[in-house]
Amino acid sequence: MQKKHKATFIQFLSTFSATPEMLEQWKKQVEEWKANPSKPNSYKESTQTITLQNTRRNLQNKEAAMAAIGKLPAHSAHIMHAMVEKCVIEWLPLLKKQNINPKWVLIYPCALEPRKRKCQKLDTDDKFEKEDGMPEILSDDLKEDIDFEKVHSDDSEDSEDNNKGEDTNIDVD
């Protein structure tokens, strides 16, 4: 068994192509870092962070490249619209907690910050686009899936009389 493991280990080591120059360069970096810890750490692997904005930009670039070569999607739904609707669904409990009717709600990312917990209501005819050109209004498909009658509304006549602090239910199919 030891011979088998040794042969496998040697085969594994042969996959690395470390030249003597590379080893000397790495040793130099390690010695410099040990002498001055403010220099980049050779032991740490640099990682890139993934942000929503970078993802959004990459998706928009990919869609633009596909449109430039004449490959249009077979359907009218875009990946970005799906991401926005997913965020709206995730934020429904917050809207319910604040007694805000999610019907035609425009949600800003800052709406989830403790100091700015208000969402603005929009009519269906209104259109608003953020700086990146992405409209964030509930789509008609999502509006059909939400039972708005069970959600507390500010403009209902008996909203305070019947609810009196009770939580209302939101049904999402």
Protein backbone atom coordinates (compact mmCIF):
# COMPACT_ATOMS: atom_id res chain seq x y z
CA MET A 1 0.00 0.00 0.00
CA GLN A 2 2.85 2.38 0.84
CA LYS A 3 4.36 1.86 -2.63
CA LYS A 4 1.01 2.66 -4.25
CA HIS A 5 0.64 5.87 -2.20
CA LYS A 6 4.24 6.87 -2.92
CA ALA A 7 3.75 6.37 -6.67
CA THR A 8 0.53 8.39 -6.58
CA PHE A 9 2.24 11.16 -4.60
CA ILE A 10 5.14 11.33 -7.06
CA GLN A 11 2.69 11.47 -9.96
CA PHE A 12 0.81 14.25 -8.15
CA LEU A 13 4.02 16.24 -7.58
CA SER A 14 4.96 15.97 -11.24
CA THR A 15 1.84 17.96 -12.18
CA PHE A 16 3.33 21.09 -10.60
CA SER A 17 5.73 22.99 -12.81
CA ALA A 18 7.80 24.96 -10.30
CA THR A 19 11.04 26.12 -11.84
CA PRO A 20 14.04 27.06 -9.68
CA GLU A 21 13.51 30.71 -10.68
CA MET A 22 9.94 30.60 -9.42
CA LEU A 23 11.04 29.05 -6.13
CA GLU A 24 13.72 31.72 -5.64
CA GLN A 25 11.21 34.48 -6.41
CA TRP A 26 8.72 33.04 -3.92
CA LYS A 27 11.42 32.64 -1.22
CA LYS A 28 12.41 36.28 -1.78
CA GLN A 29 8.79 37.41 -1.37
CA VAL A 30 8.45 35.41 1.85
CA GLU A 31 11.69 36.83 3.29
CA GLU A 32 10.62 40.38 2.40
CA TRP A 33 7.27 39.83 4.06
CA LYS A 34 8.89 38.41 7.20
CA ALA A 35 11.20 41.44 7.36
CA ASN A 36 8.35 43.90 6.77
CA PRO A 37 4.82 42.56 7.50
CA SER A 38 3.23 45.60 5.83
CA LYS A 39 4.21 44.15 2.44
CA PRO A 40 1.82 41.74 0.67
CA ASN A 41 1.59 38.37 2.39
CA SER A 42 2.84 35.61 0.09
CA TYR A 43 0.92 32.98 2.05
CA LYS A 44 -2.46 34.59 1.45
CA GLU A 45 -4.18 33.88 -1.81
CA SER A 46 -5.81 36.96 -3.25
CA THR A 47 -9.54 36.58 -3.76
CA GLN A 48 -11.97 38.77 -5.57
CA THR A 49 -15.25 39.60 -3.94
CA ILE A 50 -18.48 39.10 -5.82
CA THR A 51 -20.92 41.96 -5.59
CA LEU A 52 -24.44 42.40 -6.89
CA GLN A 53 -23.29 45.36 -8.96
CA ASN A 54 -20.52 43.32 -10.63
CA THR A 55 -22.96 40.49 -11.31
CA ARG A 56 -25.48 42.94 -12.75
CA ARG A 57 -22.80 44.52 -14.95
CA ASN A 58 -21.59 41.12 -16.20
CA LEU A 59 -25.14 40.03 -17.05
CA GLN A 60 -25.85 43.28 -18.88
CA ASN A 61 -22.59 42.96 -20.85
CA LYS A 62 -23.42 39.36 -21.74
CA GLU A 63 -26.93 40.31 -22.90
CA ALA A 64 -25.51 43.21 -24.95
CA ALA A 65 -22.91 40.94 -26.57
CA MET A 66 -25.59 38.39 -27.48
CA ALA A 67 -27.79 41.14 -28.96
CA ALA A 68 -24.82 42.54 -30.92
CA ILE A 69 -24.28 39.24 -32.74
CA GLY A 70 -28.00 38.89 -33.40
CA LYS A 71 -28.82 36.23 -30.81
CA LEU A 72 -31.91 37.49 -29.07
CA PRO A 73 -33.47 35.55 -26.22
CA ALA A 74 -36.43 33.34 -27.09
CA HIS A 75 -38.51 35.01 -24.38
CA SER A 76 -38.96 38.53 -23.07
CA ALA A 77 -37.80 37.78 -19.52
CA HIS A 78 -34.33 38.96 -18.59
CA ILE A 79 -32.11 37.60 -15.86
CA MET A 80 -32.02 41.00 -14.14
CA HIS A 81 -35.82 41.15 -13.94
CA ALA A 82 -35.84 37.72 -12.31
CA MET A 83 -33.25 38.89 -9.75
CA VAL A 84 -35.32 41.98 -8.89
CA GLU A 85 -38.52 39.96 -8.48
CA LYS A 86 -36.69 37.50 -6.22
CA CYS A 87 -35.59 40.41 -4.02
CA VAL A 88 -39.16 41.70 -3.87
CA ILE A 89 -40.40 38.29 -2.73
CA GLU A 90 -37.67 38.14 -0.08
CA TRP A 91 -38.66 41.61 1.19
CA LEU A 92 -42.39 40.81 1.51
CA PRO A 93 -42.07 39.94 5.25
CA LEU A 94 -40.46 43.34 5.88
CA LEU A 95 -43.28 45.08 4.05
CA LYS A 96 -45.82 43.08 6.04
CA LYS A 97 -44.10 43.97 9.32
CA GLN A 98 -44.28 47.67 8.47
CA ASN A 99 -47.91 47.38 7.31
CA ILE A 100 -46.99 48.47 3.80
CA ASN A 101 -49.04 47.08 0.95
CA PRO A 102 -46.55 45.52 -1.50
CA LYS A 103 -48.82 46.34 -4.44
CA TRP A 104 -46.84 48.48 -6.88
CA VAL A 105 -43.98 49.02 -4.48
CA LEU A 106 -40.69 50.44 -5.55
CA ILE A 107 -38.00 49.07 -3.28
CA TYR A 108 -34.69 50.78 -2.79
CA PRO A 109 -31.76 48.85 -1.31
CA CYS A 110 -31.68 51.48 1.44
CA ALA A 111 -35.22 50.43 2.42
CA LEU A 112 -33.71 47.67 4.51
CA GLU A 113 -31.43 50.00 6.44
CA PRO A 114 -32.71 50.69 9.98
CA ARG A 115 -32.77 54.46 9.55
CA LYS A 116 -34.58 54.41 6.19
CA ARG A 117 -37.25 51.76 6.40
CA LYS A 118 -39.83 53.28 4.10
CA CYS A 119 -40.74 52.11 0.64
CA GLN A 120 -42.43 54.29 -1.91
CA LYS A 121 -45.67 53.26 -3.58
CA LEU A 122 -46.12 53.70 -7.29
CA ASP A 123 -49.13 53.42 -9.57
CA THR A 124 -48.92 50.82 -12.32
CA ASP A 125 -48.55 53.51 -14.97
CA ASP A 126 -45.60 55.13 -13.22
CA LYS A 127 -42.11 54.15 -14.29
CA PHE A 128 -38.93 54.73 -12.40
CA GLU A 129 -35.43 53.68 -13.27
CA LYS A 130 -32.43 53.64 -11.01
CA GLU A 131 -29.07 55.03 -12.08
CA ASP A 132 -28.14 51.75 -13.75
CA GLY A 133 -31.31 51.85 -15.87
CA MET A 134 -32.95 48.90 -14.14
CA PRO A 135 -36.67 49.34 -13.47
CA GLU A 136 -37.71 47.93 -10.11
CA ILE A 137 -41.47 47.65 -10.27
CA LEU A 138 -43.35 44.44 -9.60
CA SER A 139 -44.08 42.67 -12.87
CA ASP A 140 -47.61 41.68 -13.84
CA ASP A 141 -46.76 38.00 -13.34
CA LEU A 142 -45.70 38.62 -9.74
CA LYS A 143 -48.75 40.79 -9.05
CA GLU A 144 -51.00 37.89 -10.06
CA ASP A 145 -49.22 35.53 -7.62
CA ILE A 146 -49.71 37.77 -4.57
CA ASP A 147 -53.06 37.85 -2.82
CA PHE A 148 -53.17 41.58 -2.10
CA GLU A 149 -56.55 41.40 -0.37
CA LYS A 150 -54.95 39.66 2.62
CA VAL A 151 -52.24 42.28 2.99
CA HIS A 152 -52.86 45.26 5.24
CA SER A 153 -53.44 48.37 3.17
CA ASP A 154 -53.26 51.99 4.31
CA ASP A 155 -56.19 52.96 2.10
CA SER A 156 -58.64 50.33 3.37
CA GLU A 157 -61.57 51.74 5.32
CA ASP A 158 -61.47 49.49 8.36
CA SER A 159 -57.76 48.74 8.50
CA GLU A 160 -57.20 49.87 12.08
CA ASP A 161 -60.56 48.68 13.45
CA ASN A 162 -60.28 45.06 12.31
CA ASN A 163 -56.56 44.44 12.65
CA LYS A 164 -55.72 46.10 16.00
CA GLY A 165 -52.08 45.06 15.93
CA GLU A 166 -52.70 41.58 14.52
CA ASP A 167 -50.35 40.29 11.87
CA THR A 168 -51.89 39.78 8.45
CA ASN A 169 -50.99 36.93 6.15
CA ILE A 170 -49.44 37.21 2.73
CA ASP A 171 -50.14 34.32 0.39
CA VAL A 172 -47.56 33.80 -2.34
CA ASP A 173 -47.98 30.82 -4.64
